[in-house]
C-alpha atoms as a PDB file:
ATOM      1  CA  UNK A   1     -44.905 -21.086 -11.888  1.00  0.00           C
ATOM      2  CA  UNK A   2     -41.228 -21.538 -11.639  1.00  0.00           C
ATOM      3  CA  UNK A   3     -39.723 -18.992  -9.095  1.00  0.00           C
ATOM      4  CA  UNK A   4     -37.784 -16.220 -10.576  1.00  0.00           C
ATOM      5  CA  UNK A   5     -34.021 -16.812 -11.047  1.00  0.00           C
ATOM      6  CA  UNK A   6     -31.906 -14.333  -8.456  1.00  0.00           C
ATOM      7  CA  UNK A   7     -30.594 -11.421 -10.196  1.00  0.00           C
ATOM      8  CA  UNK A   8     -26.648 -11.998 -10.727  1.00  0.00           C
ATOM      9  CA  UNK A   9     -24.495  -8.754 -10.439  1.00  0.00           C
ATOM     10  CA  UNK A  10     -20.933  -9.603 -12.138  1.00  0.00           C
ATOM     11  CA  UNK A  11     -17.967  -7.278 -11.990  1.00  0.00           C
ATOM     12  CA  UNK A  12     -15.424  -6.494 -14.649  1.00  0.00           C
ATOM     13  CA  UNK A  13     -12.254  -8.509 -14.213  1.00  0.00           C
ATOM     14  CA  UNK A  14      -9.216  -6.378 -14.546  1.00  0.00           C
ATOM     15  CA  UNK A  15      -6.707  -9.017 -13.080  1.00  0.00           C
ATOM     16  CA  UNK A  16      -6.611 -12.691 -14.128  1.00  0.00           C
ATOM     17  CA  UNK A  17      -4.902 -15.056 -11.663  1.00  0.00           C
ATOM     18  CA  UNK A  18      -2.275 -17.496 -13.275  1.00  0.00           C
ATOM     19  CA  UNK A  19      -3.554 -20.794 -13.039  1.00  0.00           C
ATOM     20  CA  UNK A  20      -0.442 -21.951 -11.485  1.00  0.00           C
ATOM     21  CA  UNK A  21      -0.635 -19.838  -8.288  1.00  0.00           C
ATOM     22  CA  UNK A  22       1.261 -19.447  -6.138  1.00  0.00           C
ATOM     23  CA  UNK A  23       4.336 -19.179  -8.605  1.00  0.00           C
ATOM     24  CA  UNK A  24       6.672 -19.158  -5.537  1.00  0.00           C
ATOM     25  CA  UNK A  25       6.587 -20.684  -1.992  1.00  0.00           C
ATOM     26  CA  UNK A  26       9.274 -21.134   0.718  1.00  0.00           C
ATOM     27  CA  UNK A  27       9.241 -25.193   0.036  1.00  0.00           C
ATOM     28  CA  UNK A  28      11.039 -23.903  -3.305  1.00  0.00           C
ATOM     29  CA  UNK A  29      13.785 -21.926  -1.876  1.00  0.00           C
ATOM     30  CA  UNK A  30      17.261 -23.797  -1.792  1.00  0.00           C
ATOM     31  CA  UNK A  31      17.983 -22.645   2.066  1.00  0.00           C
ATOM     32  CA  UNK A  32      15.610 -22.722   4.807  1.00  0.00           C
ATOM     33  CA  UNK A  33      12.829 -20.015   4.616  1.00  0.00           C
ATOM     34  CA  UNK A  34       9.724 -19.405   6.821  1.00  0.00           C
ATOM     35  CA  UNK A  35       7.779 -17.481   3.811  1.00  0.00           C
ATOM     36  CA  UNK A  36       8.276 -15.842   0.694  1.00  0.00           C
ATOM     37  CA  UNK A  37       6.482 -12.721  -0.664  1.00  0.00           C
ATOM     38  CA  UNK A  38       6.224  -9.001  -1.478  1.00  0.00           C
ATOM     39  CA  UNK A  39       8.679  -9.167  -4.329  1.00  0.00           C
ATOM     40  CA  UNK A  40       9.875  -6.294  -6.368  1.00  0.00           C
ATOM     41  CA  UNK A  41       9.867  -7.015 -10.244  1.00  0.00           C
ATOM     42  CA  UNK A  42      11.954  -6.101 -13.380  1.00  0.00           C
ATOM     43  CA  UNK A  43      12.899  -7.580 -16.794  1.00  0.00           C
ATOM     44  CA  UNK A  44      16.663  -7.573 -17.382  1.00  0.00           C
ATOM     45  CA  UNK A  45      18.133  -6.712 -20.425  1.00  0.00           C
ATOM     46  CA  UNK A  46      18.170 -10.295 -21.833  1.00  0.00           C
ATOM     47  CA  UNK A  47      14.206 -10.455 -21.241  1.00  0.00           C
ATOM     48  CA  UNK A  48      14.805 -12.728 -17.951  1.00  0.00           C
ATOM     49  CA  UNK A  49      12.413 -11.785 -15.382  1.00  0.00           C
ATOM     50  CA  UNK A  50      13.875 -10.833 -12.112  1.00  0.00           C
ATOM     51  CA  UNK A  51      12.126 -10.854  -8.600  1.00  0.00           C
ATOM     52  CA  UNK A  52      13.472  -9.601  -5.747  1.00  0.00           C
ATOM     53  CA  UNK A  53      11.854 -11.576  -2.861  1.00  0.00           C
ATOM     54  CA  UNK A  54      11.272 -10.600   0.447  1.00  0.00           C
ATOM     55  CA  UNK A  55      12.085 -13.978   2.442  1.00  0.00           C
ATOM     56  CA  UNK A  56      11.131 -14.125   6.031  1.00  0.00           C
ATOM     57  CA  UNK A  57      13.116 -16.534   8.258  1.00  0.00           C
ATOM     58  CA  UNK A  58      12.250 -17.935  11.719  1.00  0.00           C
ATOM     59  CA  UNK A  59      13.619 -15.213  13.437  1.00  0.00           C
ATOM     60  CA  UNK A  60      10.836 -13.145  11.981  1.00  0.00           C
ATOM     61  CA  UNK A  61      13.070 -11.035  10.339  1.00  0.00           C
ATOM     62  CA  UNK A  62      13.559 -10.596   6.609  1.00  0.00           C
ATOM     63  CA  UNK A  63      15.919 -10.117   3.768  1.00  0.00           C
ATOM     64  CA  UNK A  64      15.651 -10.094   0.166  1.00  0.00           C
ATOM     65  CA  UNK A  65      16.422 -12.631  -2.669  1.00  0.00           C
ATOM     66  CA  UNK A  66      16.657 -12.718  -6.607  1.00  0.00           C
ATOM     67  CA  UNK A  67      14.404 -15.340  -8.327  1.00  0.00           C
ATOM     68  CA  UNK A  68      15.224 -15.366 -12.374  1.00  0.00           C
ATOM     69  CA  UNK A  69      12.833 -16.891 -14.878  1.00  0.00           C
ATOM     70  CA  UNK A  70      12.686 -16.924 -18.539  1.00  0.00           C
ATOM     71  CA  UNK A  71       9.155 -17.013 -18.627  1.00  0.00           C
ATOM     72  CA  UNK A  72       8.562 -14.885 -15.492  1.00  0.00           C
ATOM     73  CA  UNK A  73       6.126 -17.729 -14.530  1.00  0.00           C
ATOM     74  CA  UNK A  74       8.366 -21.111 -13.552  1.00  0.00           C
ATOM     75  CA  UNK A  75      11.453 -22.793 -13.750  1.00  0.00           C
ATOM     76  CA  UNK A  76      12.594 -20.191 -11.161  1.00  0.00           C
ATOM     77  CA  UNK A  77      16.286 -20.160 -10.603  1.00  0.00           C
ATOM     78  CA  UNK A  78      16.810 -18.728  -6.881  1.00  0.00           C
ATOM     79  CA  UNK A  79      19.963 -17.257  -5.434  1.00  0.00           C
ATOM     80  CA  UNK A  80      21.624 -19.625  -3.045  1.00  0.00           C
ATOM     81  CA  UNK A  81      21.715 -17.173  -0.564  1.00  0.00           C
ATOM     82  CA  UNK A  82      20.330 -13.749   0.168  1.00  0.00           C
ATOM     83  CA  UNK A  83      21.096 -11.538  -2.585  1.00  0.00           C
ATOM     84  CA  UNK A  84      20.640  -8.477  -0.216  1.00  0.00           C
ATOM     85  CA  UNK A  85      20.853  -9.060   3.525  1.00  0.00           C
ATOM     86  CA  UNK A  86      20.362  -6.619   6.539  1.00  0.00           C
ATOM     87  CA  UNK A  87      23.570  -4.829   7.433  1.00  0.00           C
ATOM     88  CA  UNK A  88      23.147  -3.399  11.030  1.00  0.00           C
ATOM     89  CA  UNK A  89      26.554  -2.886  11.380  1.00  0.00           C
ATOM     90  CA  UNK A  90      26.835  -0.116   8.831  1.00  0.00           C
ATOM     91  CA  UNK A  91      23.273   0.675   8.392  1.00  0.00           C
ATOM     92  CA  UNK A  92      21.628   0.152  12.097  1.00  0.00           C
ATOM     93  CA  UNK A  93      18.152   1.292  10.680  1.00  0.00           C
ATOM     94  CA  UNK A  94      18.215  -2.235   9.197  1.00  0.00           C
ATOM     95  CA  UNK A  95      18.609  -3.921  12.673  1.00  0.00           C
ATOM     96  CA  UNK A  96      15.393  -5.664  12.399  1.00  0.00           C
ATOM     97  CA  UNK A  97      15.511  -6.982   8.620  1.00  0.00           C
ATOM     98  CA  UNK A  98      14.410  -5.357   5.280  1.00  0.00           C
ATOM     99  CA  UNK A  99      11.335  -5.836   3.581  1.00  0.00           C
ATOM    100  CA  UNK A 100       9.064  -5.053   0.427  1.00  0.00           C
ATOM    101  CA  UNK A 101      11.548  -3.818  -2.331  1.00  0.00           C
ATOM    102  CA  UNK A 102      10.140  -1.855  -5.212  1.00  0.00           C
ATOM    103  CA  UNK A 103      12.745  -1.863  -8.476  1.00  0.00           C
ATOM    104  CA  UNK A 104      12.523   0.964 -11.251  1.00  0.00           C
ATOM    105  CA  UNK A 105      15.210   1.205 -13.789  1.00  0.00           C
ATOM    106  CA  UNK A 106      16.805   4.850 -13.969  1.00  0.00           C
ATOM    107  CA  UNK A 107      17.423   5.635 -17.279  1.00  0.00           C
ATOM    108  CA  UNK A 108      19.315   8.879 -16.300  1.00  0.00           C
ATOM    109  CA  UNK A 109      21.667   6.546 -14.255  1.00  0.00           C
ATOM    110  CA  UNK A 110      21.886   3.310 -16.244  1.00  0.00           C
ATOM    111  CA  UNK A 111      20.935   1.385 -13.001  1.00  0.00           C
ATOM    112  CA  UNK A 112      18.585  -0.011 -11.037  1.00  0.00           C
ATOM    113  CA  UNK A 113      17.213   1.779  -8.077  1.00  0.00           C
ATOM    114  CA  UNK A 114      15.699  -0.545  -5.318  1.00  0.00           C
ATOM    115  CA  UNK A 115      13.860   1.180  -2.675  1.00  0.00           C
ATOM    116  CA  UNK A 116      12.852  -0.794   0.446  1.00  0.00           C
ATOM    117  CA  UNK A 117      11.611  -0.791   4.058  1.00  0.00           C
ATOM    118  CA  UNK A 118      14.374  -0.672   6.643  1.00  0.00           C
ATOM    119  CA  UNK A 119      13.270  -1.900   9.790  1.00  0.00           C
ATOM    120  CA  UNK A 120      14.705  -0.319  12.643  1.00  0.00           C
ATOM    121  CA  UNK A 121      14.100   0.210  16.362  1.00  0.00           C
ATOM    122  CA  UNK A 122      12.097   3.369  15.429  1.00  0.00           C
ATOM    123  CA  UNK A 123      10.154   1.670  13.114  1.00  0.00           C
ATOM    124  CA  UNK A 124       9.956   1.426   9.417  1.00  0.00           C
ATOM    125  CA  UNK A 125      11.839   3.712   6.933  1.00  0.00           C
ATOM    126  CA  UNK A 126      12.715   4.208   3.441  1.00  0.00           C
ATOM    127  CA  UNK A 127      16.068   3.131   2.136  1.00  0.00           C
ATOM    128  CA  UNK A 128      17.669   3.069  -1.438  1.00  0.00           C
ATOM    129  CA  UNK A 129      20.071   0.986  -3.249  1.00  0.00           C
ATOM    130  CA  UNK A 130      21.446   0.927  -6.670  1.00  0.00           C
ATOM    131  CA  UNK A 131      22.852  -2.102  -8.710  1.00  0.00           C
ATOM    132  CA  UNK A 132      23.570  -2.801 -12.235  1.00  0.00           C
ATOM    133  CA  UNK A 133      23.703  -6.635 -11.807  1.00  0.00           C
ATOM    134  CA  UNK A 134      21.798  -7.579  -8.713  1.00  0.00           C
ATOM    135  CA  UNK A 135      25.147  -8.724  -7.258  1.00  0.00           C
ATOM    136  CA  UNK A 136      26.884  -5.641  -5.930  1.00  0.00           C
ATOM    137  CA  UNK A 137      24.918  -2.729  -4.533  1.00  0.00           C
ATOM    138  CA  UNK A 138      25.609   0.635  -3.556  1.00  0.00           C
ATOM    139  CA  UNK A 139      23.694   1.324  -0.271  1.00  0.00           C
ATOM    140  CA  UNK A 140      22.312   5.181  -0.186  1.00  0.00           C
ATOM    141  CA  UNK A 141      20.795   4.158   3.247  1.00  0.00           C
ATOM    142  CA  UNK A 142      17.820   5.893   5.231  1.00  0.00           C
ATOM    143  CA  UNK A 143      16.073   8.563   2.741  1.00  0.00           C
ATOM    144  CA  UNK A 144      12.960   8.747   4.511  1.00  0.00           C
ATOM    145  CA  UNK A 145      12.853   8.302   8.190  1.00  0.00           C
ATOM    146  CA  UNK A 146      10.201   6.134  10.513  1.00  0.00           C
ATOM    147  CA  UNK A 147       7.479   5.662  10.013  1.00  0.00           C
ATOM    148  CA  UNK A 148       7.317   5.702   6.265  1.00  0.00           C
ATOM    149  CA  UNK A 149       7.459   3.327   3.719  1.00  0.00           C
ATOM    150  CA  UNK A 150       5.642   1.666   0.514  1.00  0.00           C
ATOM    151  CA  UNK A 151       8.232   3.553  -1.839  1.00  0.00           C
ATOM    152  CA  UNK A 152       9.558   3.842  -5.332  1.00  0.00           C
ATOM    153  CA  UNK A 153      11.126   6.078  -7.754  1.00  0.00           C
ATOM    154  CA  UNK A 154       9.910   7.011 -11.118  1.00  0.00           C
ATOM    155  CA  UNK A 155      12.176   5.938 -13.859  1.00  0.00           C
ATOM    156  CA  UNK A 156      13.296   9.211 -15.002  1.00  0.00           C
ATOM    157  CA  UNK A 157      13.598  12.614 -13.652  1.00  0.00           C
ATOM    158  CA  UNK A 158      11.016  15.397 -13.566  1.00  0.00           C
ATOM    159  CA  UNK A 159      12.270  18.980 -13.938  1.00  0.00           C
ATOM    160  CA  UNK A 160      15.814  17.951 -13.612  1.00  0.00           C
ATOM    161  CA  UNK A 161      14.905  15.790 -10.104  1.00  0.00           C
ATOM    162  CA  UNK A 162      14.589  12.442  -9.130  1.00  0.00           C
ATOM    163  CA  UNK A 163      10.980  11.644  -7.858  1.00  0.00           C
ATOM    164  CA  UNK A 164      10.153   9.060  -5.442  1.00  0.00           C
ATOM    165  CA  UNK A 165       6.699   8.028  -4.016  1.00  0.00           C
ATOM    166  CA  UNK A 166       6.085   7.135  -0.367  1.00  0.00           C
ATOM    167  CA  UNK A 167       4.059   6.893   2.417  1.00  0.00           C
ATOM    168  CA  UNK A 168       4.464   8.468   5.750  1.00  0.00           C
ATOM    169  CA  UNK A 169       2.268   7.850   8.656  1.00  0.00           C
ATOM    170  CA  UNK A 170       1.572  10.480  11.439  1.00  0.00           C
ATOM    171  CA  UNK A 171      -1.339  11.480  13.733  1.00  0.00           C
ATOM    172  CA  UNK A 172      -3.465  12.611  10.738  1.00  0.00           C
ATOM    173  CA  UNK A 173      -3.462   9.529   8.880  1.00  0.00           C
ATOM    174  CA  UNK A 174      -1.630   7.340   6.161  1.00  0.00           C
ATOM    175  CA  UNK A 175      -1.640   9.043   2.817  1.00  0.00           C
ATOM    176  CA  UNK A 176       0.607   8.879  -0.677  1.00  0.00           C
ATOM    177  CA  UNK A 177       3.603  11.449  -0.981  1.00  0.00           C
ATOM    178  CA  UNK A 178       5.740  12.458  -3.685  1.00  0.00           C
ATOM    179  CA  UNK A 179       9.244  13.997  -2.764  1.00  0.00           C
ATOM    180  CA  UNK A 180      12.218  15.201  -5.385  1.00  0.00           C
ATOM    181  CA  UNK A 181      15.802  15.344  -5.252  1.00  0.00           C
ATOM    182  CA  UNK A 182      18.571  16.094  -7.076  1.00  0.00           C
ATOM    183  CA  UNK A 183      20.949  13.427  -5.806  1.00  0.00           C
ATOM    184  CA  UNK A 184      18.817  10.341  -4.489  1.00  0.00           C
ATOM    185  CA  UNK A 185      20.374  11.285  -1.051  1.00  0.00           C
ATOM    186  CA  UNK A 186      18.634  14.753  -0.339  1.00  0.00           C
ATOM    187  CA  UNK A 187      14.793  14.938  -0.699  1.00  0.00           C
ATOM    188  CA  UNK A 188      12.511  17.771  -0.569  1.00  0.00           C
ATOM    189  CA  UNK A 189       9.275  19.309  -2.241  1.00  0.00           C
ATOM    190  CA  UNK A 190       7.014  17.412  -0.534  1.00  0.00           C
ATOM    191  CA  UNK A 191       3.822  16.947  -1.732  1.00  0.00           C
ATOM    192  CA  UNK A 192       0.639  14.745  -1.051  1.00  0.00           C
ATOM    193  CA  UNK A 193      -0.534  12.835  -4.267  1.00  0.00           C
ATOM    194  CA  UNK A 194      -3.361  10.957  -2.472  1.00  0.00           C
ATOM    195  CA  UNK A 195      -5.088  11.141   0.501  1.00  0.00           C
ATOM    196  CA  UNK A 196      -7.064   8.565   1.900  1.00  0.00           C
ATOM    197  CA  UNK A 197     -10.592   8.708   2.321  1.00  0.00           C
ATOM    198  CA  UNK A 198     -12.758   8.624   5.624  1.00  0.00           C
ATOM    199  CA  UNK A 199     -15.834   6.800   7.056  1.00  0.00           C
ATOM    200  CA  UNK A 200     -16.831   3.463   5.555  1.00  0.00           C
ATOM    201  CA  UNK A 201     -14.668   3.517   2.214  1.00  0.00           C
ATOM    202  CA  UNK A 202     -12.505   0.419   0.853  1.00  0.00           C
ATOM    203  CA  UNK A 203      -9.439   2.879   1.368  1.00  0.00           C
ATOM    204  CA  UNK A 204     -10.354   4.796   4.419  1.00  0.00           C
ATOM    205  CA  UNK A 205      -7.426   5.897   6.792  1.00  0.00           C
ATOM    206  CA  UNK A 206      -4.812   4.236   5.188  1.00  0.00           C
ATOM    207  CA  UNK A 207      -3.505   3.624   1.703  1.00  0.00           C
ATOM    208  CA  UNK A 208       0.128   3.076   0.173  1.00  0.00           C
ATOM    209  CA  UNK A 209       1.614   2.609  -3.025  1.00  0.00           C
ATOM    210  CA  UNK A 210       1.661  -0.966  -4.509  1.00  0.00           C
ATOM    211  CA  UNK A 211       4.171  -1.310  -7.751  1.00  0.00           C
ATOM    212  CA  UNK A 212       6.042   1.507  -9.174  1.00  0.00           C
ATOM    213  CA  UNK A 213       3.731   3.664 -11.116  1.00  0.00           C
ATOM    214  CA  UNK A 214       2.868   3.062 -14.924  1.00  0.00           C
ATOM    215  CA  UNK A 215       4.071   5.875 -17.440  1.00  0.00           C
ATOM    216  CA  UNK A 216       1.556   5.974 -20.055  1.00  0.00           C
ATOM    217  CA  UNK A 217       0.894   8.327 -23.022  1.00  0.00           C
ATOM    218  CA  UNK A 218      -2.259   9.650 -20.752  1.00  0.00           C
ATOM    219  CA  UNK A 219      -0.601  10.020 -17.502  1.00  0.00           C
ATOM    220  CA  UNK A 220       1.346   7.834 -14.816  1.00  0.00           C
ATOM    221  CA  UNK A 221      -0.936   4.750 -13.832  1.00  0.00           C
ATOM    222  CA  UNK A 222      -0.913   3.845  -9.873  1.00  0.00           C
ATOM    223  CA  UNK A 223      -2.206   0.753  -8.641  1.00  0.00           C
ATOM    224  CA  UNK A 224      -2.497   1.463  -4.629  1.00  0.00           C
ATOM    225  CA  UNK A 225      -3.820  -0.591  -1.689  1.00  0.00           C
ATOM    226  CA  UNK A 226      -6.406   0.430   0.725  1.00  0.00           C
ATOM    227  CA  UNK A 227      -6.628  -1.290   4.147  1.00  0.00           C
ATOM    228  CA  UNK A 228     -10.151  -1.885   5.524  1.00  0.00           C
ATOM    229  CA  UNK A 229      -9.704  -2.330   9.170  1.00  0.00           C
ATOM    230  CA  UNK A 230     -12.651  -5.022  10.145  1.00  0.00           C
ATOM    231  CA  UNK A 231     -13.588  -7.018  13.358  1.00  0.00           C
ATOM    232  CA  UNK A 232     -11.598  -9.851  11.819  1.00  0.00           C
ATOM    233  CA  UNK A 233      -8.484  -8.087  10.977  1.00  0.00           C
ATOM    234  CA  UNK A 234      -7.239  -5.977   8.128  1.00  0.00           C
ATOM    235  CA  UNK A 235      -8.010  -6.168   4.504  1.00  0.00           C
ATOM    236  CA  UNK A 236      -5.945  -5.226   1.928  1.00  0.00           C
ATOM    237  CA  UNK A 237      -7.188  -4.461  -1.823  1.00  0.00           C
ATOM    238  CA  UNK A 238      -6.220  -2.238  -4.815  1.00  0.00           C
ATOM    239  CA  UNK A 239      -7.623   0.874  -6.623  1.00  0.00           C
ATOM    240  CA  UNK A 240      -6.293   2.850  -9.490  1.00  0.00           C
ATOM    241  CA  UNK A 241      -5.496   6.210 -10.138  1.00  0.00           C
ATOM    242  CA  UNK A 242      -3.761   8.599 -12.740  1.00  0.00           C
ATOM    243  CA  UNK A 243      -1.647  11.411 -12.428  1.00  0.00           C
ATOM    244  CA  UNK A 244      -0.118  13.972 -15.009  1.00  0.00           C
ATOM    245  CA  UNK A 245       3.002  12.942 -16.430  1.00  0.00           C
ATOM    246  CA  UNK A 246       4.815  16.432 -15.956  1.00  0.00           C
ATOM    247  CA  UNK A 247       3.536  16.951 -12.488  1.00  0.00           C
ATOM    248  CA  UNK A 248       2.898  13.334 -10.804  1.00  0.00           C
ATOM    249  CA  UNK A 249       1.640  15.289  -7.565  1.00  0.00           C
ATOM    250  CA  UNK A 250      -1.550  16.212  -9.593  1.00  0.00           C
ATOM    251  CA  UNK A 251      -4.116  13.414  -9.639  1.00  0.00           C
ATOM    252  CA  UNK A 252      -6.276  13.347 -12.734  1.00  0.00           C
ATOM    253  CA  UNK A 253      -8.621  10.526 -11.994  1.00  0.00           C
ATOM    254  CA  UNK A 254      -9.381   8.172  -9.241  1.00  0.00           C
ATOM    255  CA  UNK A 255     -11.756   5.087  -8.882  1.00  0.00           C
ATOM    256  CA  UNK A 256     -13.838   4.954  -6.207  1.00  0.00           C
ATOM    257  CA  UNK A 257     -14.126   0.933  -6.096  1.00  0.00           C
ATOM    258  CA  UNK A 258     -11.561  -1.303  -5.736  1.00  0.00           C
ATOM    259  CA  UNK A 259     -10.351  -3.581  -8.516  1.00  0.00           C
ATOM    260  CA  UNK A 260      -8.887  -6.591  -6.955  1.00  0.00           C
ATOM    261  CA  UNK A 261      -9.101  -8.131  -3.812  1.00  0.00           C
ATOM    262  CA  UNK A 262      -8.242 -11.368  -1.741  1.00  0.00           C
ATOM    263  CA  UNK A 263     -10.369 -14.047  -3.189  1.00  0.00           C
ATOM    264  CA  UNK A 264      -8.513 -17.414  -3.488  1.00  0.00           C
ATOM    265  CA  UNK A 265      -7.410 -19.588  -0.555  1.00  0.00           C
ATOM    266  CA  UNK A 266      -3.681 -18.656  -1.083  1.00  0.00           C
ATOM    267  CA  UNK A 267      -4.607 -15.026  -0.598  1.00  0.00           C
ATOM    268  CA  UNK A 268      -7.296 -15.539   2.258  1.00  0.00           C
ATOM    269  CA  UNK A 269      -5.174 -17.931   4.567  1.00  0.00           C
ATOM    270  CA  UNK A 270      -1.551 -17.490   5.677  1.00  0.00           C
ATOM    271  CA  UNK A 271       0.358 -15.396   7.900  1.00  0.00           C
ATOM    272  CA  UNK A 272      -1.556 -12.573   7.552  1.00  0.00           C
ATOM    273  CA  UNK A 273      -4.999 -13.641   6.237  1.00  0.00           C
ATOM    274  CA  UNK A 274      -6.749 -11.754   3.409  1.00  0.00           C
ATOM    275  CA  UNK A 275      -3.723  -9.853   1.928  1.00  0.00           C
ATOM    276  CA  UNK A 276      -2.975  -9.431  -1.993  1.00  0.00           C
ATOM    277  CA  UNK A 277       0.225  -7.065  -1.880  1.00  0.00           C
ATOM    278  CA  UNK A 278       1.978  -6.212  -5.140  1.00  0.00           C
ATOM    279  CA  UNK A 279       5.299  -4.726  -5.124  1.00  0.00           C
ATOM    280  CA  UNK A 280       6.381  -5.197  -8.969  1.00  0.00           C
ATOM    281  CA  UNK A 281       5.416  -5.510 -12.506  1.00  0.00           C
ATOM    282  CA  UNK A 282       6.907  -6.155 -16.006  1.00  0.00           C
ATOM    283  CA  UNK A 283       5.257  -5.227 -19.341  1.00  0.00           C
ATOM    284  CA  UNK A 284       4.461  -7.833 -22.087  1.00  0.00           C
ATOM    285  CA  UNK A 285       5.946  -7.458 -25.428  1.00  0.00           C
ATOM    286  CA  UNK A 286       3.044  -5.852 -26.603  1.00  0.00           C
ATOM    287  CA  UNK A 287       3.853  -2.937 -24.556  1.00  0.00           C
ATOM    288  CA  UNK A 288      -0.017  -3.441 -23.159  1.00  0.00           C
ATOM    289  CA  UNK A 289       0.279  -6.741 -21.106  1.00  0.00           C
ATOM    290  CA  UNK A 290       0.816  -6.175 -17.089  1.00  0.00           C
ATOM    291  CA  UNK A 291       2.187  -9.073 -15.285  1.00  0.00           C
ATOM    292  CA  UNK A 292       1.639  -8.105 -11.785  1.00  0.00           C
ATOM    293  CA  UNK A 293       3.617 -10.040  -9.033  1.00  0.00           C
ATOM    294  CA  UNK A 294       2.087  -9.983  -5.547  1.00  0.00           C
ATOM    295  CA  UNK A 295       2.455 -11.559  -2.340  1.00  0.00           C
ATOM    296  CA  UNK A 296      -0.531 -13.604  -0.961  1.00  0.00           C
ATOM    297  CA  UNK A 297      -1.423 -13.844   2.411  1.00  0.00           C
ATOM    298  CA  UNK A 298       2.237 -12.449   3.289  1.00  0.00           C
ATOM    299  CA  UNK A 299       2.914 -16.479   2.714  1.00  0.00           C
ATOM    300  CA  UNK A 300       3.959 -16.771  -1.071  1.00  0.00           C
ATOM    301  CA  UNK A 301       4.214 -15.026  -4.383  1.00  0.00           C
ATOM    302  CA  UNK A 302       1.378 -15.161  -7.074  1.00  0.00           C
ATOM    303  CA  UNK A 303       0.728 -13.532 -10.266  1.00  0.00           C
ATOM    304  CA  UNK A 304      -2.126 -11.923 -11.985  1.00  0.00           C
ATOM    305  CA  UNK A 305      -2.300 -10.522 -15.997  1.00  0.00           C
ATOM    306  CA  UNK A 306      -4.071  -7.583 -16.985  1.00  0.00           C
ATOM    307  CA  UNK A 307      -4.130  -4.485 -19.531  1.00  0.00           C
ATOM    308  CA  UNK A 308      -2.662  -1.153 -19.515  1.00  0.00           C
ATOM    309  CA  UNK A 309      -5.742   0.112 -22.172  1.00  0.00           C
ATOM    310  CA  UNK A 310      -8.392  -1.902 -19.842  1.00  0.00           C
ATOM    311  CA  UNK A 311      -7.119  -0.063 -16.713  1.00  0.00           C
ATOM    312  CA  UNK A 312      -7.643   3.604 -18.336  1.00  0.00           C
ATOM    313  CA  UNK A 313     -10.817   2.808 -20.166  1.00  0.00           C
ATOM    314  CA  UNK A 314     -12.127   1.602 -16.699  1.00  0.00           C
ATOM    315  CA  UNK A 315     -10.978   4.796 -15.086  1.00  0.00           C
ATOM    316  CA  UNK A 316     -12.726   6.745 -17.780  1.00  0.00           C
ATOM    317  CA  UNK A 317     -15.790   4.767 -16.780  1.00  0.00           C
ATOM    318  CA  UNK A 318     -15.515   4.658 -13.074  1.00  0.00           C
ATOM    319  CA  UNK A 319     -13.119   7.359 -11.915  1.00  0.00           C
ATOM    320  CA  UNK A 320     -13.514  11.021 -11.165  1.00  0.00           C
ATOM    321  CA  UNK A 321     -11.228  13.895 -10.189  1.00  0.00           C
ATOM    322  CA  UNK A 322     -10.486  14.315  -6.793  1.00  0.00           C
ATOM    323  CA  UNK A 323     -12.331  17.461  -5.215  1.00  0.00           C
ATOM    324  CA  UNK A 324      -8.832  19.383  -5.237  1.00  0.00           C
ATOM    325  CA  UNK A 325      -8.998  19.125  -8.880  1.00  0.00           C
ATOM    326  CA  UNK A 326     -12.450  19.774  -9.257  1.00  0.00           C
ATOM    327  CA  UNK A 327     -12.357  23.167  -7.215  1.00  0.00           C
ATOM    328  CA  UNK A 328      -9.563  24.740  -9.508  1.00  0.00           C
END
């Protein structure tokens, strides 16, 4: 009798990696660069995909440079010089560079808002800049003091106020918060959106927003990262949660399992191993396809595609309301 074949358990694949990954590397850059990763993303009015890429040079500091593509995959046209560079003279909070942008089109202002990490001598904080063309920028400066990062704005106001998701760090952990502002400069009504779990969970102790929230008829869909500390270093993976449209601080569903993790060589090996870190996405012409742009191992840019419908269906099957919702 032949031996019983081993049981193979497979998991649903919600994001499919582009076969041409990585789609952007430092070798493609028009000027010297060490690594290129963690890009914000948007689709311009003419259909062009714009990535605002974090570029690290050999000083170890970062700036942001725009790369444009008609199909969002290849034939990238990259700005010949940094698009948004640190300005430590006027903004001393940027003295050690600027990093990890998230781009949101603000329909109320008719401008793009860029939330990015400003690295100061006191640590990382959240800064904002506005632009209409990714050529000239109006800096709002530091809006969330260190230690805070992983920030993005919602695309329209909630009850008359702008809303920003961010991730402050304190002695009690690193959780995802939301804050509100009438003018993008003065922020208050701070509320925790999503708490990092404890113990052996994949998203214990430290979580953060990945790309900006995705607005769906059922709620705000969040892709967030969880950081698992292992004896071999940190492991960054992605999870899903859904929040109420009218009250984004209210979590409706949260998945227990991670849905996307470092798997390929370009994700597992680089300046920082085992990192898949998306800061931006675009939505396809069908209104359902998600083009997820992510930094791979803090070294290059990669692309994966998924479906909003499939993500919501997965949450229906694998998600549950957090305890705060269950006890109401």
